[in-house]
Structures are given as C-alpha cells and as structure tokens.
PDB file of all heavy atoms in Angstrom:
ATOM      1  N   ASP A   1     -80.712  31.901-125.991  1.00  0.00           N
ATOM      2  CA  ASP A   1     -79.920  33.116-125.821  1.00  0.00           C
ATOM      3  C   ASP A   1     -79.923  33.805-127.173  1.00  0.00           C
ATOM      4  O   ASP A   1     -79.304  33.328-128.115  1.00  0.00           O
ATOM      5  CB  ASP A   1     -78.500  32.748-125.382  1.00  0.00           C
ATOM      6  CG  ASP A   1     -77.655  33.964-125.051  1.00  0.00           C
ATOM      7  OD1 ASP A   1     -78.054  35.090-125.392  1.00  0.00           O
ATOM      8  OD2 ASP A   1     -76.581  33.770-124.464  1.00  0.00           O
ATOM      9  N   SER A   2     -80.657  34.887-127.295  1.00  0.00           N
ATOM     10  CA  SER A   2     -80.831  35.573-128.570  1.00  0.00           C
ATOM     11  C   SER A   2     -80.176  36.950-128.518  1.00  0.00           C
ATOM     12  O   SER A   2     -80.443  37.738-127.621  1.00  0.00           O
ATOM     13  CB  SER A   2     -82.324  35.715-128.872  1.00  0.00           C
ATOM     14  OG  SER A   2     -82.530  36.460-130.035  1.00  0.00           O
ATOM     15  N   LEU A   3     -79.320  37.211-129.496  1.00  0.00           N
ATOM     16  CA  LEU A   3     -78.642  38.503-129.591  1.00  0.00           C
ATOM     17  C   LEU A   3     -79.062  39.154-130.896  1.00  0.00           C
ATOM     18  O   LEU A   3     -78.832  38.622-131.974  1.00  0.00           O
ATOM     19  CB  LEU A   3     -77.125  38.311-129.548  1.00  0.00           C
ATOM     20  CG  LEU A   3     -76.275  39.564-129.532  1.00  0.00           C
ATOM     21  CD1 LEU A   3     -76.584  40.401-128.297  1.00  0.00           C
ATOM     22  CD2 LEU A   3     -74.802  39.188-129.551  1.00  0.00           C
ATOM     23  N   GLU A   4     -79.734  40.299-130.790  1.00  0.00           N
ATOM     24  CA  GLU A   4     -80.185  41.031-131.966  1.00  0.00           C
ATOM     25  C   GLU A   4     -79.704  42.461-131.837  1.00  0.00           C
ATOM     26  O   GLU A   4     -80.198  43.220-130.998  1.00  0.00           O
ATOM     27  CB  GLU A   4     -81.712  40.965-132.064  1.00  0.00           C
ATOM     28  CG  GLU A   4     -82.244  41.461-133.392  1.00  0.00           C
ATOM     29  CD  GLU A   4     -83.724  41.189-133.517  1.00  0.00           C
ATOM     30  OE1 GLU A   4     -84.156  40.073-133.216  1.00  0.00           O
ATOM     31  OE2 GLU A   4     -84.432  42.130-133.911  1.00  0.00           O
ATOM     32  N   GLY A   5     -78.701  42.828-132.643  1.00  0.00           N
ATOM     33  CA  GLY A   5     -78.090  44.145-132.498  1.00  0.00           C
ATOM     34  C   GLY A   5     -77.403  44.232-131.156  1.00  0.00           C
ATOM     35  O   GLY A   5     -76.558  43.415-130.822  1.00  0.00           O
ATOM     36  N   ARG A   6     -77.792  45.217-130.363  1.00  0.00           N
ATOM     37  CA  ARG A   6     -77.224  45.359-129.014  1.00  0.00           C
ATOM     38  C   ARG A   6     -78.166  44.838-127.940  1.00  0.00           C
ATOM     39  O   ARG A   6     -77.909  44.974-126.757  1.00  0.00           O
ATOM     40  CB  ARG A   6     -76.909  46.829-128.763  1.00  0.00           C
ATOM     41  CG  ARG A   6     -75.821  47.341-129.721  1.00  0.00           C
ATOM     42  CD  ARG A   6     -75.449  48.738-129.423  1.00  0.00           C
ATOM     43  NE  ARG A   6     -74.757  48.774-128.136  1.00  0.00           N
ATOM     44  CZ  ARG A   6     -74.326  49.867-127.569  1.00  0.00           C
ATOM     45  NH1 ARG A   6     -74.510  51.024-128.155  1.00  0.00           N
ATOM     46  NH2 ARG A   6     -73.711  49.818-126.407  1.00  0.00           N
ATOM     47  N   SER A   7     -79.265  44.231-128.377  1.00  0.00           N
ATOM     48  CA  SER A   7     -80.261  43.716-127.454  1.00  0.00           C
ATOM     49  C   SER A   7     -80.090  42.206-127.283  1.00  0.00           C
ATOM     50  O   SER A   7     -80.021  41.461-128.255  1.00  0.00           O
ATOM     51  CB  SER A   7     -81.663  44.013-127.991  1.00  0.00           C
ATOM     52  OG  SER A   7     -82.634  43.472-127.165  1.00  0.00           O
ATOM     53  N   ARG A   8     -80.038  41.758-126.047  1.00  0.00           N
ATOM     54  CA  ARG A   8     -79.878  40.335-125.751  1.00  0.00           C
ATOM     55  C   ARG A   8     -81.077  39.853-124.938  1.00  0.00           C
ATOM     56  O   ARG A   8     -81.500  40.505-123.989  1.00  0.00           O
ATOM     57  CB  ARG A   8     -78.601  40.102-124.963  1.00  0.00           C
ATOM     58  CG  ARG A   8     -78.311  38.665-124.725  1.00  0.00           C
ATOM     59  CD  ARG A   8     -76.967  38.502-124.077  1.00  0.00           C
ATOM     60  NE  ARG A   8     -76.545  37.116-124.156  1.00  0.00           N
ATOM     61  CZ  ARG A   8     -75.349  36.721-123.834  1.00  0.00           C
ATOM     62  NH1 ARG A   8     -74.445  37.576-123.420  1.00  0.00           N
ATOM     63  NH2 ARG A   8     -75.047  35.451-123.917  1.00  0.00           N
ATOM     64  N   GLU A   9     -81.600  38.690-125.316  1.00  0.00           N
ATOM     65  CA  GLU A   9     -82.733  38.095-124.616  1.00  0.00           C
ATOM     66  C   GLU A   9     -82.368  36.664-124.233  1.00  0.00           C
ATOM     67  O   GLU A   9     -81.891  35.886-125.060  1.00  0.00           O
ATOM     68  CB  GLU A   9     -83.968  38.091-125.515  1.00  0.00           C
ATOM     69  CG  GLU A   9     -85.198  37.559-124.861  1.00  0.00           C
ATOM     70  CD  GLU A   9     -86.419  37.598-125.777  1.00  0.00           C
ATOM     71  OE1 GLU A   9     -86.308  37.994-126.937  1.00  0.00           O
ATOM     72  OE2 GLU A   9     -87.489  37.211-125.294  1.00  0.00           O
ATOM     73  N   ILE A  10     -82.575  36.316-122.974  1.00  0.00           N
ATOM     74  CA  ILE A  10     -82.326  34.971-122.476  1.00  0.00           C
ATOM     75  C   ILE A  10     -83.629  34.477-121.862  1.00  0.00           C
ATOM     76  O   ILE A  10     -84.293  35.207-121.129  1.00  0.00           O
ATOM     77  CB  ILE A  10     -81.205  34.968-121.413  1.00  0.00           C
ATOM     78  CG1 ILE A  10     -79.913  35.480-122.040  1.00  0.00           C
ATOM     79  CG2 ILE A  10     -81.019  33.574-120.832  1.00  0.00           C
ATOM     80  CD1 ILE A  10     -78.804  35.723-121.045  1.00  0.00           C
ATOM     81  N   GLY A  11     -84.012  33.249-122.168  1.00  0.00           N
ATOM     82  CA  GLY A  11     -85.266  32.739-121.635  1.00  0.00           C
ATOM     83  C   GLY A  11     -85.320  31.234-121.598  1.00  0.00           C
ATOM     84  O   GLY A  11     -84.417  30.550-122.088  1.00  0.00           O
ATOM     85  N   PHE A  12     -86.378  30.711-121.018  1.00  0.00           N
ATOM     86  CA  PHE A  12     -86.589  29.279-120.882  1.00  0.00           C
ATOM     87  C   PHE A  12     -87.922  28.893-121.499  1.00  0.00           C
ATOM     88  O   PHE A  12     -88.855  29.683-121.523  1.00  0.00           O
ATOM     89  CB  PHE A  12     -86.570  28.875-119.402  1.00  0.00           C
ATOM     90  CG  PHE A  12     -85.230  29.099-118.762  1.00  0.00           C
ATOM     91  CD1 PHE A  12     -84.945  30.293-118.137  1.00  0.00           C
ATOM     92  CD2 PHE A  12     -84.268  28.113-118.815  1.00  0.00           C
ATOM     93  CE1 PHE A  12     -83.704  30.503-117.554  1.00  0.00           C
ATOM     94  CE2 PHE A  12     -83.036  28.315-118.242  1.00  0.00           C
ATOM     95  CZ  PHE A  12     -82.746  29.510-117.608  1.00  0.00           C
ATOM     96  N   PHE A  13     -88.006  27.656-121.978  1.00  0.00           N
ATOM     97  CA  PHE A  13     -89.248  27.131-122.530  1.00  0.00           C
ATOM     98  C   PHE A  13     -89.275  25.631-122.309  1.00  0.00           C
ATOM     99  O   PHE A  13     -88.245  24.998-122.092  1.00  0.00           O
ATOM    100  CB  PHE A  13     -89.397  27.492-124.004  1.00  0.00           C
ATOM    101  CG  PHE A  13     -88.295  26.974-124.903  1.00  0.00           C
ATOM    102  CD1 PHE A  13     -88.494  25.844-125.672  1.00  0.00           C
ATOM    103  CD2 PHE A  13     -87.080  27.626-124.986  1.00  0.00           C
ATOM    104  CE1 PHE A  13     -87.497  25.367-126.505  1.00  0.00           C
ATOM    105  CE2 PHE A  13     -86.077  27.167-125.818  1.00  0.00           C
ATOM    106  CZ  PHE A  13     -86.282  26.034-126.583  1.00  0.00           C
ATOM    107  N   ASP A  14     -90.483  25.043-122.341  1.00  0.00           N
ATOM    108  CA  ASP A  14     -90.610  23.610-122.103  1.00  0.00           C
ATOM    109  C   ASP A  14     -91.262  22.866-123.257  1.00  0.00           C
ATOM    110  O   ASP A  14     -91.374  21.647-123.227  1.00  0.00           O
ATOM    111  CB  ASP A  14     -91.383  23.352-120.814  1.00  0.00           C
ATOM    112  CG  ASP A  14     -92.765  23.967-120.804  1.00  0.00           C
ATOM    113  OD1 ASP A  14     -93.072  24.791-121.686  1.00  0.00           O
ATOM    114  OD2 ASP A  14     -93.552  23.633-119.906  1.00  0.00           O
ATOM    115  N   CYS A  15     -91.655  23.604-124.299  1.00  0.00           N
ATOM    116  CA  CYS A  15     -92.327  22.984-125.443  1.00  0.00           C
ATOM    117  C   CYS A  15     -91.892  23.662-126.735  1.00  0.00           C
ATOM    118  O   CYS A  15     -91.297  24.746-126.720  1.00  0.00           O
ATOM    119  CB  CYS A  15     -93.843  23.129-125.324  1.00  0.00           C
ATOM    120  SG  CYS A  15     -94.566  22.295-123.905  1.00  0.00           S
ATOM    121  N   ILE A  16     -92.232  23.008-127.827  1.00  0.00           N
ATOM    122  CA  ILE A  16     -92.082  23.596-129.154  1.00  0.00           C
ATOM    123  C   ILE A  16     -93.464  23.626-129.779  1.00  0.00           C
ATOM    124  O   ILE A  16     -94.197  22.639-129.723  1.00  0.00           O
ATOM    125  CB  ILE A  16     -91.108  22.785-130.017  1.00  0.00           C
ATOM    126  CG1 ILE A  16     -89.693  22.967-129.488  1.00  0.00           C
ATOM    127  CG2 ILE A  16     -91.205  23.184-131.477  1.00  0.00           C
ATOM    128  CD1 ILE A  16     -88.652  22.206-130.235  1.00  0.00           C
ATOM    129  N   GLU A  17     -93.808  24.776-130.349  1.00  0.00           N
ATOM    130  CA  GLU A  17     -95.083  24.917-131.046  1.00  0.00           C
ATOM    131  C   GLU A  17     -94.789  24.967-132.532  1.00  0.00           C
ATOM    132  O   GLU A  17     -93.918  25.716-132.976  1.00  0.00           O
ATOM    133  CB  GLU A  17     -95.786  26.205-130.611  1.00  0.00           C
ATOM    134  CG  GLU A  17     -97.069  26.454-131.365  1.00  0.00           C
ATOM    135  CD  GLU A  17     -97.635  27.851-131.143  1.00  0.00           C
ATOM    136  OE1 GLU A  17     -96.907  28.730-130.672  1.00  0.00           O
ATOM    137  OE2 GLU A  17     -98.814  28.036-131.460  1.00  0.00           O
ATOM    138  N   LEU A  18     -95.500  24.159-133.305  1.00  0.00           N
ATOM    139  CA  LEU A  18     -95.368  24.185-134.760  1.00  0.00           C
ATOM    140  C   LEU A  18     -96.601  24.836-135.361  1.00  0.00           C
ATOM    141  O   LEU A  18     -97.724  24.405-135.120  1.00  0.00           O
ATOM    142  CB  LEU A  18     -95.215  22.769-135.310  1.00  0.00           C
ATOM    143  CG  LEU A  18     -93.960  22.019-134.898  1.00  0.00           C
ATOM    144  CD1 LEU A  18     -93.974  20.615-135.488  1.00  0.00           C
ATOM    145  CD2 LEU A  18     -92.716  22.766-135.312  1.00  0.00           C
ATOM    146  N   VAL A  19     -96.371  25.897-136.115  1.00  0.00           N
ATOM    147  CA  VAL A  19     -97.433  26.579-136.841  1.00  0.00           C
ATOM    148  C   VAL A  19     -97.031  26.519-138.302  1.00  0.00           C
ATOM    149  O   VAL A  19     -96.108  27.214-138.724  1.00  0.00           O
ATOM    150  CB  VAL A  19     -97.602  28.042-136.370  1.00  0.00           C
ATOM    151  CG1 VAL A  19     -98.698  28.729-137.156  1.00  0.00           C
ATOM    152  CG2 VAL A  19     -97.880  28.098-134.881  1.00  0.00           C
ATOM    153  N   GLY A  20     -97.701  25.661-139.061  1.00  0.00           N
ATOM    154  CA  GLY A  20     -97.261  25.399-140.430  1.00  0.00           C
ATOM    155  C   GLY A  20     -95.894  24.735-140.370  1.00  0.00           C
ATOM    156  O   GLY A  20     -95.715  23.729-139.695  1.00  0.00           O
ATOM    157  N   SER A  21     -94.901  25.327-141.010  1.00  0.00           N
ATOM    158  CA  SER A  21     -93.549  24.771-140.959  1.00  0.00           C
ATOM    159  C   SER A  21     -92.629  25.591-140.062  1.00  0.00           C
ATOM    160  O   SER A  21     -91.423  25.381-140.036  1.00  0.00           O
ATOM    161  CB  SER A  21     -92.963  24.690-142.370  1.00  0.00           C
ATOM    162  OG  SER A  21     -92.812  25.998-142.897  1.00  0.00           O
ATOM    163  N   THR A  22     -93.194  26.537-139.299  1.00  0.00           N
ATOM    164  CA  THR A  22     -92.395  27.383-138.412  1.00  0.00           C
ATOM    165  C   THR A  22     -92.451  26.849-136.988  1.00  0.00           C
ATOM    166  O   THR A  22     -93.519  26.521-136.480  1.00  0.00           O
ATOM    167  CB  THR A  22     -92.913  28.835-138.445  1.00  0.00           C
ATOM    168  OG1 THR A  22     -92.921  29.291-139.803  1.00  0.00           O
ATOM    169  CG2 THR A  22     -92.026  29.747-137.630  1.00  0.00           C
ATOM    170  N   ALA A  23     -91.266  26.766-136.354  1.00  0.00           N
ATOM    171  CA  ALA A  23     -91.172  26.260-134.976  1.00  0.00           C
ATOM    172  C   ALA A  23     -90.898  27.415-134.023  1.00  0.00           C
ATOM    173  O   ALA A  23     -90.050  28.283-134.301  1.00  0.00           O
ATOM    174  CB  ALA A  23     -90.056  25.228-134.871  1.00  0.00           C
ATOM    175  N   TYR A  24     -91.622  27.440-132.913  1.00  0.00           N
ATOM    176  CA  TYR A  24     -91.473  28.466-131.887  1.00  0.00           C
ATOM    177  C   TYR A  24     -91.164  27.823-130.539  1.00  0.00           C
ATOM    178  O   TYR A  24     -91.665  26.739-130.236  1.00  0.00           O
ATOM    179  CB  TYR A  24     -92.774  29.274-131.723  1.00  0.00           C
ATOM    180  CG  TYR A  24     -93.184  30.045-132.939  1.00  0.00           C
ATOM    181  CD1 TYR A  24     -94.039  29.483-133.884  1.00  0.00           C
ATOM    182  CD2 TYR A  24     -92.730  31.337-133.157  1.00  0.00           C
ATOM    183  CE1 TYR A  24     -94.430  30.186-135.003  1.00  0.00           C
ATOM    184  CE2 TYR A  24     -93.112  32.049-134.281  1.00  0.00           C
ATOM    185  CZ  TYR A  24     -93.963  31.469-135.200  1.00  0.00           C
ATOM    186  OH  TYR A  24     -94.340  32.168-136.314  1.00  0.00           O
ATOM    187  N   ALA A  25     -90.358  28.500-129.723  1.00  0.00           N
ATOM    188  CA  ALA A  25     -90.207  28.118-128.323  1.00  0.00           C
ATOM    189  C   ALA A  25     -91.534  28.471-127.660  1.00  0.00           C
ATOM    190  O   ALA A  25     -92.117  29.520-127.939  1.00  0.00           O
ATOM    191  CB  ALA A  25     -89.060  28.881-127.688  1.00  0.00           C
ATOM    192  N   PHE A  26     -92.034  27.607-126.774  1.00  0.00           N
ATOM    193  CA  PHE A  26     -93.373  27.771-126.211  1.00  0.00           C
ATOM    194  C   PHE A  26     -93.351  27.419-124.734  1.00  0.00           C
ATOM    195  O   PHE A  26     -92.734  26.427-124.335  1.00  0.00           O
ATOM    196  CB  PHE A  26     -94.354  26.839-126.959  1.00  0.00           C
ATOM    197  CG  PHE A  26     -95.792  27.064-126.652  1.00  0.00           C
ATOM    198  CD1 PHE A  26     -96.496  28.100-127.232  1.00  0.00           C
ATOM    199  CD2 PHE A  26     -96.471  26.212-125.793  1.00  0.00           C
ATOM    200  CE1 PHE A  26     -97.848  28.296-126.965  1.00  0.00           C
ATOM    201  CE2 PHE A  26     -97.822  26.383-125.516  1.00  0.00           C
ATOM    202  CZ  PHE A  26     -98.505  27.435-126.103  1.00  0.00           C
TER     203      PHE A  26
END
C-alpha cells in the first residue's frame, strides 16, 4: 500500500527481485 502525495497504489506480488542492493516487489 503506497501513498505518494495524493496518489495511492495498492498491489500484490509473489516474489522479491534483488538488483544489486535494491529490493523490488516482483
């Protein structure tokens, strides 16, 4: 559940992707 300013994003993921030391929902 991500809130950025007045914009809200809700989503689902089943994995984590690691690119270098950065982690992403995947």
